[in-house]
């Protein structure tokens, strides 16, 4: 299993380059002026002690990949990935070659995305936007502060926790966390 970012503050292309072992050489004194692209750059795996979950690391990360949420992927798994910079939410699938293929789910970006067993998708942007599995917006969860991260919890995984700048909000949902079923 690979632990990969799913709540991106960057463009999706930053994650794609990283997964495809693509690095960049920058002009001296600059972190934006690319002078050469390096294909097949080395990557390493770091395993959490006592687990089979690896963190994929290495590369120049053009710029540093910033994420507010992570998810475990095994080849064939699909997860939602949200990009704040792109202003989009994607469906991403990890291939057996450790490359990610994506397709746009909705034209709404944010910093965090999670789904429930009923197929509802929650996207933390300036509020929490709720979509059905077909990508139709079905609701908005308004919070007093901008939400930054989302997670299901509680004894039955039906509590949606909404992390904001200075507070933690919680709301009960009809369906539990989509990763448990």
N, C-alpha and C. Protein backbone atom coordinates (compact mmCIF):
# COMPACT_ATOMS: atom_id res chain seq x y z
N UNK A 1 0.83 -1.18 0.00
CA UNK A 1 0.00 0.00 0.00
C UNK A 1 0.87 1.24 0.00
N UNK A 2 0.42 2.25 -0.71
CA UNK A 2 1.10 3.54 -0.73
C UNK A 2 0.22 4.58 -0.05
N UNK A 3 0.83 5.41 0.76
CA UNK A 3 0.15 6.53 1.40
C UNK A 3 0.41 7.75 0.52
N UNK A 4 -0.66 8.26 -0.11
CA UNK A 4 -0.51 9.36 -1.08
C UNK A 4 -1.41 10.53 -0.71
N UNK A 5 -1.02 11.74 -1.13
CA UNK A 5 -1.85 12.92 -0.85
C UNK A 5 -3.13 12.93 -1.68
N UNK A 6 -4.24 13.32 -1.05
CA UNK A 6 -5.51 13.44 -1.77
C UNK A 6 -6.14 14.82 -1.58
N UNK A 7 -5.63 15.62 -0.67
CA UNK A 7 -6.09 16.99 -0.48
C UNK A 7 -4.96 17.93 -0.84
N UNK A 8 -4.89 18.34 -2.11
CA UNK A 8 -3.73 19.08 -2.60
C UNK A 8 -3.95 20.59 -2.53
N UNK A 9 -2.92 21.29 -2.08
CA UNK A 9 -2.92 22.74 -2.18
C UNK A 9 -2.29 23.16 -3.50
N UNK A 10 -1.65 22.23 -4.20
CA UNK A 10 -0.99 22.46 -5.48
C UNK A 10 -1.88 21.99 -6.62
N UNK A 11 -1.34 22.13 -7.84
CA UNK A 11 -2.01 21.58 -9.01
C UNK A 11 -1.81 20.07 -9.03
N UNK A 12 -2.74 19.35 -9.65
CA UNK A 12 -2.64 17.90 -9.78
C UNK A 12 -1.37 17.50 -10.51
N UNK A 13 -0.88 18.34 -11.43
CA UNK A 13 0.32 18.00 -12.21
C UNK A 13 1.54 17.80 -11.31
N UNK A 14 1.58 18.44 -10.15
CA UNK A 14 2.69 18.25 -9.22
C UNK A 14 2.71 16.81 -8.72
N UNK A 15 1.54 16.28 -8.34
CA UNK A 15 1.44 14.88 -7.90
C UNK A 15 1.75 13.93 -9.06
N UNK A 16 1.23 14.23 -10.24
CA UNK A 16 1.47 13.38 -11.41
C UNK A 16 2.97 13.30 -11.72
N UNK A 17 3.65 14.43 -11.74
CA UNK A 17 5.10 14.42 -12.00
C UNK A 17 5.83 13.58 -10.97
N UNK A 18 5.46 13.72 -9.73
CA UNK A 18 6.10 12.98 -8.64
C UNK A 18 5.91 11.47 -8.83
N UNK A 19 4.67 11.06 -9.14
CA UNK A 19 4.37 9.64 -9.33
C UNK A 19 5.02 9.07 -10.58
N UNK A 20 5.23 9.90 -11.58
CA UNK A 20 5.84 9.44 -12.83
C UNK A 20 7.35 9.60 -12.83
N UNK A 21 7.93 9.83 -11.64
CA UNK A 21 9.38 9.93 -11.47
C UNK A 21 9.99 11.03 -12.33
N UNK A 22 9.29 12.15 -12.45
CA UNK A 22 9.76 13.27 -13.24
C UNK A 22 10.25 14.37 -12.30
N UNK A 23 11.49 14.77 -12.45
CA UNK A 23 12.07 15.85 -11.64
C UNK A 23 12.49 17.01 -12.54
N UNK A 24 12.87 18.09 -11.90
CA UNK A 24 13.24 19.29 -12.62
C UNK A 24 14.53 19.85 -12.04
N UNK A 25 15.38 20.35 -12.92
CA UNK A 25 16.60 21.03 -12.51
C UNK A 25 16.33 22.52 -12.72
N UNK A 26 16.60 23.28 -11.67
CA UNK A 26 16.31 24.71 -11.69
C UNK A 26 17.58 25.53 -11.91
N UNK A 27 17.41 26.71 -12.48
CA UNK A 27 18.52 27.64 -12.63
C UNK A 27 19.01 28.02 -11.23
N UNK A 28 20.31 28.15 -11.05
CA UNK A 28 20.89 28.50 -9.76
C UNK A 28 20.23 29.74 -9.17
N UNK A 29 19.87 29.67 -7.90
CA UNK A 29 19.25 30.80 -7.22
C UNK A 29 17.76 30.93 -7.49
N UNK A 30 17.17 29.98 -8.20
CA UNK A 30 15.74 30.05 -8.51
C UNK A 30 15.05 28.76 -8.12
N UNK A 31 13.82 28.86 -7.68
CA UNK A 31 13.05 27.64 -7.44
C UNK A 31 11.88 27.57 -8.42
N UNK A 32 11.91 28.39 -9.47
CA UNK A 32 10.84 28.35 -10.47
C UNK A 32 11.35 28.26 -11.91
N UNK A 33 12.58 28.64 -12.17
CA UNK A 33 13.11 28.64 -13.54
C UNK A 33 13.69 27.28 -13.88
N UNK A 34 12.90 26.46 -14.56
CA UNK A 34 13.32 25.11 -14.94
C UNK A 34 14.26 25.19 -16.13
N UNK A 35 15.42 24.51 -16.01
CA UNK A 35 16.35 24.48 -17.14
C UNK A 35 16.43 23.10 -17.77
N UNK A 36 15.95 22.07 -17.02
CA UNK A 36 16.01 20.71 -17.58
C UNK A 36 15.02 19.82 -16.85
N UNK A 37 14.40 18.91 -17.60
CA UNK A 37 13.50 17.90 -17.03
C UNK A 37 14.27 16.60 -16.91
N UNK A 38 14.13 15.92 -15.78
CA UNK A 38 14.80 14.64 -15.55
C UNK A 38 13.73 13.56 -15.48
N UNK A 39 13.76 12.64 -16.45
CA UNK A 39 12.82 11.52 -16.45
C UNK A 39 13.42 10.35 -15.67
N UNK A 40 12.59 9.48 -15.15
CA UNK A 40 13.01 8.28 -14.41
C UNK A 40 13.89 8.62 -13.21
N UNK A 41 13.55 9.68 -12.51
CA UNK A 41 14.29 10.08 -11.32
C UNK A 41 14.04 9.07 -10.19
N UNK A 42 15.03 8.87 -9.34
CA UNK A 42 14.86 7.86 -8.27
C UNK A 42 13.82 8.28 -7.24
N UNK A 43 13.13 7.29 -6.73
CA UNK A 43 12.18 7.46 -5.64
C UNK A 43 12.48 6.38 -4.61
N UNK A 44 12.09 6.62 -3.39
CA UNK A 44 12.30 5.66 -2.31
C UNK A 44 10.99 5.39 -1.60
N UNK A 45 10.96 4.30 -0.87
CA UNK A 45 9.80 3.93 -0.07
C UNK A 45 10.22 3.88 1.39
N UNK A 46 9.43 4.48 2.23
CA UNK A 46 9.67 4.44 3.67
C UNK A 46 8.46 3.78 4.31
N UNK A 47 8.70 2.69 5.02
CA UNK A 47 7.61 1.93 5.63
C UNK A 47 7.46 2.29 7.09
N UNK A 48 6.22 2.47 7.51
CA UNK A 48 5.94 2.68 8.93
C UNK A 48 6.26 1.37 9.64
N UNK A 49 6.93 1.44 10.80
CA UNK A 49 7.30 0.22 11.52
C UNK A 49 6.09 -0.68 11.78
N UNK A 50 6.24 -1.95 11.48
CA UNK A 50 5.20 -2.94 11.74
C UNK A 50 4.03 -2.89 10.79
N UNK A 51 4.15 -2.18 9.66
CA UNK A 51 3.04 -2.10 8.71
C UNK A 51 3.52 -2.46 7.30
N UNK A 52 2.56 -2.55 6.40
CA UNK A 52 2.87 -2.75 4.98
C UNK A 52 2.53 -1.50 4.19
N UNK A 53 2.40 -0.37 4.88
CA UNK A 53 2.08 0.90 4.24
C UNK A 53 3.34 1.71 4.03
N UNK A 54 3.56 2.11 2.77
CA UNK A 54 4.77 2.86 2.42
C UNK A 54 4.43 4.30 2.09
N UNK A 55 5.36 5.17 2.41
CA UNK A 55 5.30 6.56 1.97
C UNK A 55 6.29 6.69 0.83
N UNK A 56 5.82 7.19 -0.29
CA UNK A 56 6.61 7.36 -1.50
C UNK A 56 7.35 8.68 -1.35
N UNK A 57 8.66 8.69 -1.50
CA UNK A 57 9.42 9.93 -1.28
C UNK A 57 10.53 10.08 -2.29
N UNK A 58 11.04 11.31 -2.38
CA UNK A 58 12.15 11.61 -3.26
C UNK A 58 11.78 12.62 -4.31
N UNK A 59 12.76 13.14 -4.99
CA UNK A 59 12.53 14.07 -6.07
C UNK A 59 12.61 15.52 -5.65
N UNK A 60 12.51 16.38 -6.65
CA UNK A 60 12.61 17.81 -6.38
C UNK A 60 11.26 18.41 -6.00
N UNK A 61 10.19 17.71 -6.30
CA UNK A 61 8.83 18.16 -5.98
C UNK A 61 8.63 19.60 -6.38
N UNK A 62 8.40 19.81 -7.57
CA UNK A 62 8.30 21.11 -8.22
C UNK A 62 6.94 21.76 -8.04
N UNK A 63 6.66 22.66 -7.24
CA UNK A 63 7.34 22.99 -5.98
C UNK A 63 7.03 21.92 -4.95
N UNK A 64 7.34 22.14 -3.72
CA UNK A 64 7.08 21.14 -2.68
C UNK A 64 5.60 20.81 -2.67
N UNK A 65 5.29 19.52 -2.75
CA UNK A 65 3.91 19.05 -2.74
C UNK A 65 3.32 19.30 -1.37
N UNK A 66 2.21 20.02 -1.33
CA UNK A 66 1.55 20.35 -0.07
C UNK A 66 0.20 19.67 -0.03
N UNK A 67 -0.09 18.99 1.08
CA UNK A 67 -1.33 18.24 1.18
C UNK A 67 -1.89 18.33 2.58
N UNK A 68 -3.22 18.35 2.66
CA UNK A 68 -3.88 18.36 3.96
C UNK A 68 -4.52 17.03 4.29
N UNK A 69 -4.55 16.09 3.35
CA UNK A 69 -5.12 14.77 3.58
C UNK A 69 -4.33 13.72 2.82
N UNK A 70 -4.28 12.52 3.40
CA UNK A 70 -3.61 11.38 2.79
C UNK A 70 -4.58 10.21 2.74
N UNK A 71 -4.35 9.30 1.80
CA UNK A 71 -5.15 8.07 1.71
C UNK A 71 -4.23 6.93 1.29
N UNK A 72 -4.58 5.72 1.70
CA UNK A 72 -3.80 4.56 1.29
C UNK A 72 -4.35 4.05 -0.05
N UNK A 73 -3.44 3.78 -0.97
CA UNK A 73 -3.76 3.24 -2.29
C UNK A 73 -3.07 1.91 -2.46
N UNK A 74 -3.75 0.96 -3.04
CA UNK A 74 -3.13 -0.25 -3.58
C UNK A 74 -3.47 -0.23 -5.08
N UNK A 75 -2.67 -0.89 -5.92
CA UNK A 75 -2.98 -0.87 -7.36
C UNK A 75 -4.43 -1.26 -7.62
N UNK A 76 -5.10 -0.44 -8.43
CA UNK A 76 -6.50 -0.66 -8.75
C UNK A 76 -7.45 0.19 -7.92
N UNK A 77 -6.98 0.73 -6.79
CA UNK A 77 -7.83 1.57 -5.94
C UNK A 77 -8.13 2.89 -6.61
N UNK A 78 -9.35 3.38 -6.38
CA UNK A 78 -9.75 4.71 -6.83
C UNK A 78 -10.11 5.54 -5.61
N UNK A 79 -9.67 6.79 -5.60
CA UNK A 79 -10.00 7.74 -4.54
C UNK A 79 -10.29 9.08 -5.18
N UNK A 80 -10.99 9.91 -4.43
CA UNK A 80 -11.16 11.30 -4.85
C UNK A 80 -9.90 12.07 -4.45
N UNK A 81 -9.49 12.99 -5.32
CA UNK A 81 -8.36 13.88 -5.05
C UNK A 81 -8.84 15.29 -5.38
N UNK A 82 -8.65 16.21 -4.44
CA UNK A 82 -9.08 17.58 -4.65
C UNK A 82 -7.85 18.48 -4.77
N UNK A 83 -7.92 19.45 -5.67
CA UNK A 83 -6.83 20.41 -5.87
C UNK A 83 -7.35 21.82 -5.66
N UNK A 84 -6.75 22.50 -4.71
CA UNK A 84 -7.12 23.89 -4.46
C UNK A 84 -6.68 24.78 -5.62
N UNK A 85 -5.46 24.57 -6.13
CA UNK A 85 -4.94 25.40 -7.23
C UNK A 85 -5.69 25.18 -8.54
N UNK A 86 -6.03 23.94 -8.85
CA UNK A 86 -6.76 23.64 -10.09
C UNK A 86 -8.23 24.02 -10.01
N UNK A 87 -8.78 24.09 -8.79
CA UNK A 87 -10.21 24.35 -8.63
C UNK A 87 -11.05 23.19 -9.10
N UNK A 88 -10.52 21.95 -8.93
CA UNK A 88 -11.23 20.76 -9.39
C UNK A 88 -11.09 19.62 -8.38
N UNK A 89 -12.03 18.68 -8.47
CA UNK A 89 -11.95 17.43 -7.74
C UNK A 89 -11.91 16.32 -8.77
N UNK A 90 -11.02 15.37 -8.56
CA UNK A 90 -10.77 14.30 -9.53
C UNK A 90 -11.08 12.93 -8.92
N UNK A 91 -11.29 11.96 -9.81
CA UNK A 91 -11.25 10.55 -9.43
C UNK A 91 -9.87 10.08 -9.88
N UNK A 92 -9.11 9.50 -8.97
CA UNK A 92 -7.75 9.05 -9.27
C UNK A 92 -7.63 7.56 -9.03
N UNK A 93 -6.99 6.87 -9.96
CA UNK A 93 -6.80 5.42 -9.85
C UNK A 93 -5.31 5.12 -9.94
N UNK A 94 -4.83 4.31 -9.01
CA UNK A 94 -3.43 3.89 -9.00
C UNK A 94 -3.29 2.63 -9.84
N UNK A 95 -2.42 2.71 -10.85
CA UNK A 95 -2.17 1.55 -11.70
C UNK A 95 -1.11 0.64 -11.11
N UNK A 96 -0.97 -0.55 -11.66
CA UNK A 96 0.03 -1.50 -11.19
C UNK A 96 1.45 -0.99 -11.44
N UNK A 97 1.58 0.00 -12.35
CA UNK A 97 2.89 0.60 -12.63
C UNK A 97 3.18 1.80 -11.71
N UNK A 98 2.33 1.99 -10.69
CA UNK A 98 2.43 3.08 -9.72
C UNK A 98 2.23 4.45 -10.35
N UNK A 99 1.52 4.50 -11.47
CA UNK A 99 1.14 5.77 -12.07
C UNK A 99 -0.33 6.01 -11.78
N UNK A 100 -0.67 7.29 -11.68
CA UNK A 100 -2.05 7.66 -11.38
C UNK A 100 -2.73 8.16 -12.65
N UNK A 101 -3.93 7.62 -12.91
CA UNK A 101 -4.77 8.16 -13.98
C UNK A 101 -5.92 8.89 -13.30
N UNK A 102 -6.31 10.01 -13.88
CA UNK A 102 -7.35 10.83 -13.26
C UNK A 102 -8.38 11.25 -14.29
N UNK A 103 -9.55 11.57 -13.78
CA UNK A 103 -10.60 12.20 -14.57
C UNK A 103 -11.30 13.21 -13.66
N UNK A 104 -11.77 14.29 -14.22
CA UNK A 104 -12.44 15.32 -13.44
C UNK A 104 -13.78 14.78 -12.94
N UNK A 105 -14.00 14.92 -11.65
CA UNK A 105 -15.29 14.56 -11.04
C UNK A 105 -16.20 15.79 -11.05
N UNK A 106 -15.73 16.91 -10.49
CA UNK A 106 -16.48 18.17 -10.51
C UNK A 106 -15.51 19.34 -10.61
N UNK A 107 -16.01 20.45 -11.12
CA UNK A 107 -15.22 21.68 -11.19
C UNK A 107 -15.37 22.45 -9.88
N UNK A 108 -14.92 21.85 -8.80
CA UNK A 108 -14.90 22.50 -7.49
C UNK A 108 -13.63 22.02 -6.79
N UNK A 109 -12.79 22.96 -6.44
CA UNK A 109 -11.57 22.62 -5.72
C UNK A 109 -11.74 22.80 -4.23
N UNK A 110 -10.68 22.56 -3.52
CA UNK A 110 -10.70 22.70 -2.07
C UNK A 110 -9.43 22.14 -1.47
N UNK A 111 -9.48 21.87 -0.19
CA UNK A 111 -8.30 21.36 0.50
C UNK A 111 -8.48 19.95 1.03
N UNK A 112 -9.71 19.44 1.01
CA UNK A 112 -9.96 18.11 1.55
C UNK A 112 -11.18 17.51 0.87
N UNK A 113 -11.17 16.20 0.71
CA UNK A 113 -12.31 15.49 0.12
C UNK A 113 -12.45 14.14 0.79
N UNK A 114 -13.69 13.74 1.02
CA UNK A 114 -13.97 12.44 1.63
C UNK A 114 -15.34 11.99 1.13
N UNK A 115 -15.60 10.70 1.14
CA UNK A 115 -16.89 10.20 0.69
C UNK A 115 -17.47 9.23 1.71
N UNK A 116 -18.80 9.06 1.62
CA UNK A 116 -19.47 8.11 2.53
C UNK A 116 -19.91 6.88 1.75
N UNK A 117 -20.45 5.90 2.47
CA UNK A 117 -20.89 4.64 1.86
C UNK A 117 -22.03 4.82 0.86
N UNK A 118 -22.81 5.89 1.00
CA UNK A 118 -23.92 6.13 0.07
C UNK A 118 -23.45 6.77 -1.23
N UNK A 119 -22.16 7.09 -1.33
CA UNK A 119 -21.61 7.69 -2.54
C UNK A 119 -21.58 9.20 -2.50
N UNK A 120 -21.97 9.79 -1.38
CA UNK A 120 -21.89 11.25 -1.25
C UNK A 120 -20.44 11.66 -1.09
N UNK A 121 -20.07 12.76 -1.74
CA UNK A 121 -18.70 13.27 -1.72
C UNK A 121 -18.73 14.64 -1.07
N UNK A 122 -17.89 14.82 -0.04
CA UNK A 122 -17.81 16.07 0.72
C UNK A 122 -16.50 16.76 0.37
N UNK A 123 -16.59 18.02 -0.08
CA UNK A 123 -15.42 18.78 -0.49
C UNK A 123 -15.31 20.03 0.38
N UNK A 124 -14.18 20.17 1.08
CA UNK A 124 -13.95 21.35 1.90
C UNK A 124 -13.33 22.43 1.03
N UNK A 125 -14.09 23.49 0.79
CA UNK A 125 -13.62 24.66 0.06
C UNK A 125 -13.82 25.86 0.97
N UNK A 126 -14.60 26.84 0.50
CA UNK A 126 -14.93 27.93 1.41
C UNK A 126 -16.05 27.51 2.37
N UNK A 127 -16.78 26.47 2.03
CA UNK A 127 -17.73 25.75 2.88
C UNK A 127 -17.55 24.27 2.54
N UNK A 128 -18.37 23.40 3.11
CA UNK A 128 -18.31 21.98 2.74
C UNK A 128 -19.43 21.73 1.74
N UNK A 129 -19.03 21.38 0.52
CA UNK A 129 -19.98 21.12 -0.55
C UNK A 129 -20.20 19.62 -0.65
N UNK A 130 -21.47 19.23 -0.83
CA UNK A 130 -21.83 17.81 -0.89
C UNK A 130 -22.35 17.49 -2.28
N UNK A 131 -21.79 16.44 -2.87
CA UNK A 131 -22.17 15.97 -4.20
C UNK A 131 -22.59 14.52 -4.12
N UNK A 132 -23.48 14.10 -5.04
CA UNK A 132 -23.78 12.67 -5.13
C UNK A 132 -22.72 12.01 -6.02
N UNK A 133 -22.81 10.72 -6.17
CA UNK A 133 -21.78 9.97 -6.92
C UNK A 133 -21.71 10.35 -8.40
N UNK A 134 -22.77 10.96 -8.92
CA UNK A 134 -22.76 11.39 -10.33
C UNK A 134 -22.17 12.79 -10.51
N UNK A 135 -21.84 13.47 -9.41
CA UNK A 135 -21.25 14.80 -9.50
C UNK A 135 -22.26 15.93 -9.44
N UNK A 136 -23.50 15.65 -9.02
CA UNK A 136 -24.50 16.70 -8.87
C UNK A 136 -24.45 17.22 -7.44
N UNK A 137 -24.36 18.55 -7.30
CA UNK A 137 -24.32 19.13 -5.95
C UNK A 137 -25.68 18.92 -5.29
N UNK A 138 -25.66 18.37 -4.07
CA UNK A 138 -26.91 18.09 -3.36
C UNK A 138 -27.00 18.83 -2.02
N UNK A 139 -25.96 19.57 -1.66
CA UNK A 139 -26.05 20.31 -0.41
C UNK A 139 -24.79 21.11 -0.12
N UNK A 140 -24.91 21.98 0.90
CA UNK A 140 -23.79 22.75 1.42
C UNK A 140 -23.87 22.71 2.93
N UNK A 141 -22.76 22.38 3.58
CA UNK A 141 -22.67 22.44 5.04
C UNK A 141 -21.93 23.74 5.35
N UNK A 142 -22.65 24.70 5.89
CA UNK A 142 -22.04 26.00 6.18
C UNK A 142 -21.39 25.98 7.55
N UNK A 143 -20.17 26.49 7.62
CA UNK A 143 -19.43 26.58 8.87
C UNK A 143 -19.03 28.04 9.09
N UNK A 144 -18.88 28.45 10.37
CA UNK A 144 -18.50 29.84 10.65
C UNK A 144 -17.09 30.20 10.18
N UNK A 145 -16.25 29.20 10.00
CA UNK A 145 -14.88 29.40 9.54
C UNK A 145 -14.65 28.57 8.29
N UNK A 146 -13.63 28.93 7.53
CA UNK A 146 -13.30 28.14 6.34
C UNK A 146 -12.82 26.75 6.77
N UNK A 147 -13.45 25.69 6.25
CA UNK A 147 -12.99 24.34 6.57
C UNK A 147 -11.69 24.01 5.86
N UNK A 148 -10.83 23.22 6.52
CA UNK A 148 -9.56 22.86 5.94
C UNK A 148 -9.37 21.37 5.75
N UNK A 149 -9.99 20.57 6.62
CA UNK A 149 -9.84 19.12 6.49
C UNK A 149 -11.11 18.42 6.95
N UNK A 150 -11.32 17.22 6.41
CA UNK A 150 -12.51 16.42 6.70
C UNK A 150 -12.10 15.02 7.09
N UNK A 151 -12.82 14.44 8.04
CA UNK A 151 -12.57 13.04 8.44
C UNK A 151 -13.83 12.48 9.08
N UNK A 152 -14.10 11.21 8.81
CA UNK A 152 -15.18 10.52 9.50
C UNK A 152 -14.63 9.89 10.77
N UNK A 153 -15.48 9.80 11.78
CA UNK A 153 -15.07 9.17 13.04
C UNK A 153 -16.29 8.83 13.87
N UNK A 154 -16.03 8.59 15.15
CA UNK A 154 -17.08 8.17 16.06
C UNK A 154 -17.22 6.65 16.04
N UNK A 155 -17.97 6.09 16.97
CA UNK A 155 -18.06 4.63 17.08
C UNK A 155 -18.65 3.94 15.86
N UNK A 156 -19.51 4.64 15.10
CA UNK A 156 -20.11 4.03 13.91
C UNK A 156 -19.67 4.70 12.61
N UNK A 157 -18.65 5.54 12.68
CA UNK A 157 -18.10 6.26 11.51
C UNK A 157 -19.13 7.09 10.77
N UNK A 158 -20.13 7.60 11.50
CA UNK A 158 -21.16 8.44 10.89
C UNK A 158 -21.04 9.90 11.33
N UNK A 159 -19.96 10.25 11.97
CA UNK A 159 -19.74 11.64 12.36
C UNK A 159 -18.69 12.23 11.42
N UNK A 160 -19.09 13.29 10.72
CA UNK A 160 -18.16 13.98 9.84
C UNK A 160 -17.53 15.10 10.66
N UNK A 161 -16.22 15.02 10.84
CA UNK A 161 -15.48 16.06 11.54
C UNK A 161 -14.93 17.04 10.52
N UNK A 162 -15.11 18.33 10.81
CA UNK A 162 -14.69 19.40 9.91
C UNK A 162 -13.68 20.25 10.66
N UNK A 163 -12.41 20.13 10.26
CA UNK A 163 -11.36 20.92 10.89
C UNK A 163 -11.27 22.27 10.22
N UNK A 164 -11.30 23.33 11.03
CA UNK A 164 -11.19 24.70 10.52
C UNK A 164 -9.97 25.36 11.14
N UNK A 165 -9.77 26.62 10.88
CA UNK A 165 -8.58 27.33 11.36
C UNK A 165 -8.42 27.28 12.86
N UNK A 166 -9.51 27.49 13.61
CA UNK A 166 -9.39 27.51 15.07
C UNK A 166 -10.41 26.65 15.79
N UNK A 167 -11.18 25.87 15.04
CA UNK A 167 -12.24 25.06 15.65
C UNK A 167 -12.38 23.71 14.95
N UNK A 168 -13.06 22.82 15.65
CA UNK A 168 -13.41 21.51 15.08
C UNK A 168 -14.92 21.40 15.16
N UNK A 169 -15.55 21.15 14.02
CA UNK A 169 -17.00 21.01 13.95
C UNK A 169 -17.33 19.55 13.67
N UNK A 170 -18.54 19.13 14.05
CA UNK A 170 -18.96 17.75 13.81
C UNK A 170 -20.43 17.75 13.42
N UNK A 171 -20.77 16.86 12.49
CA UNK A 171 -22.15 16.69 12.07
C UNK A 171 -22.39 15.21 11.83
N UNK A 172 -23.55 14.73 12.23
CA UNK A 172 -23.91 13.34 11.98
C UNK A 172 -24.35 13.19 10.53
N UNK A 173 -23.97 12.09 9.90
CA UNK A 173 -24.36 11.82 8.52
C UNK A 173 -25.22 10.56 8.50
N UNK A 174 -26.03 10.41 7.45
CA UNK A 174 -26.89 9.24 7.32
C UNK A 174 -26.09 7.98 7.01
N UNK A 175 -24.99 8.16 6.26
CA UNK A 175 -24.19 7.00 5.86
C UNK A 175 -22.80 7.10 6.50
N UNK A 176 -22.17 5.95 6.78
CA UNK A 176 -20.82 5.98 7.37
C UNK A 176 -19.73 6.25 6.34
N UNK A 177 -18.54 6.38 6.84
CA UNK A 177 -17.31 6.55 6.05
C UNK A 177 -17.29 5.55 4.90
N UNK A 178 -16.99 6.04 3.70
CA UNK A 178 -16.96 5.19 2.51
C UNK A 178 -15.78 4.24 2.44
N UNK A 179 -14.77 4.41 3.29
CA UNK A 179 -13.60 3.52 3.24
C UNK A 179 -13.82 2.24 4.02
N UNK A 180 -14.90 2.15 4.79
CA UNK A 180 -15.11 0.97 5.64
C UNK A 180 -16.01 -0.07 5.00
N UNK A 181 -16.57 0.23 3.86
CA UNK A 181 -17.56 -0.69 3.31
C UNK A 181 -17.23 -1.21 2.03
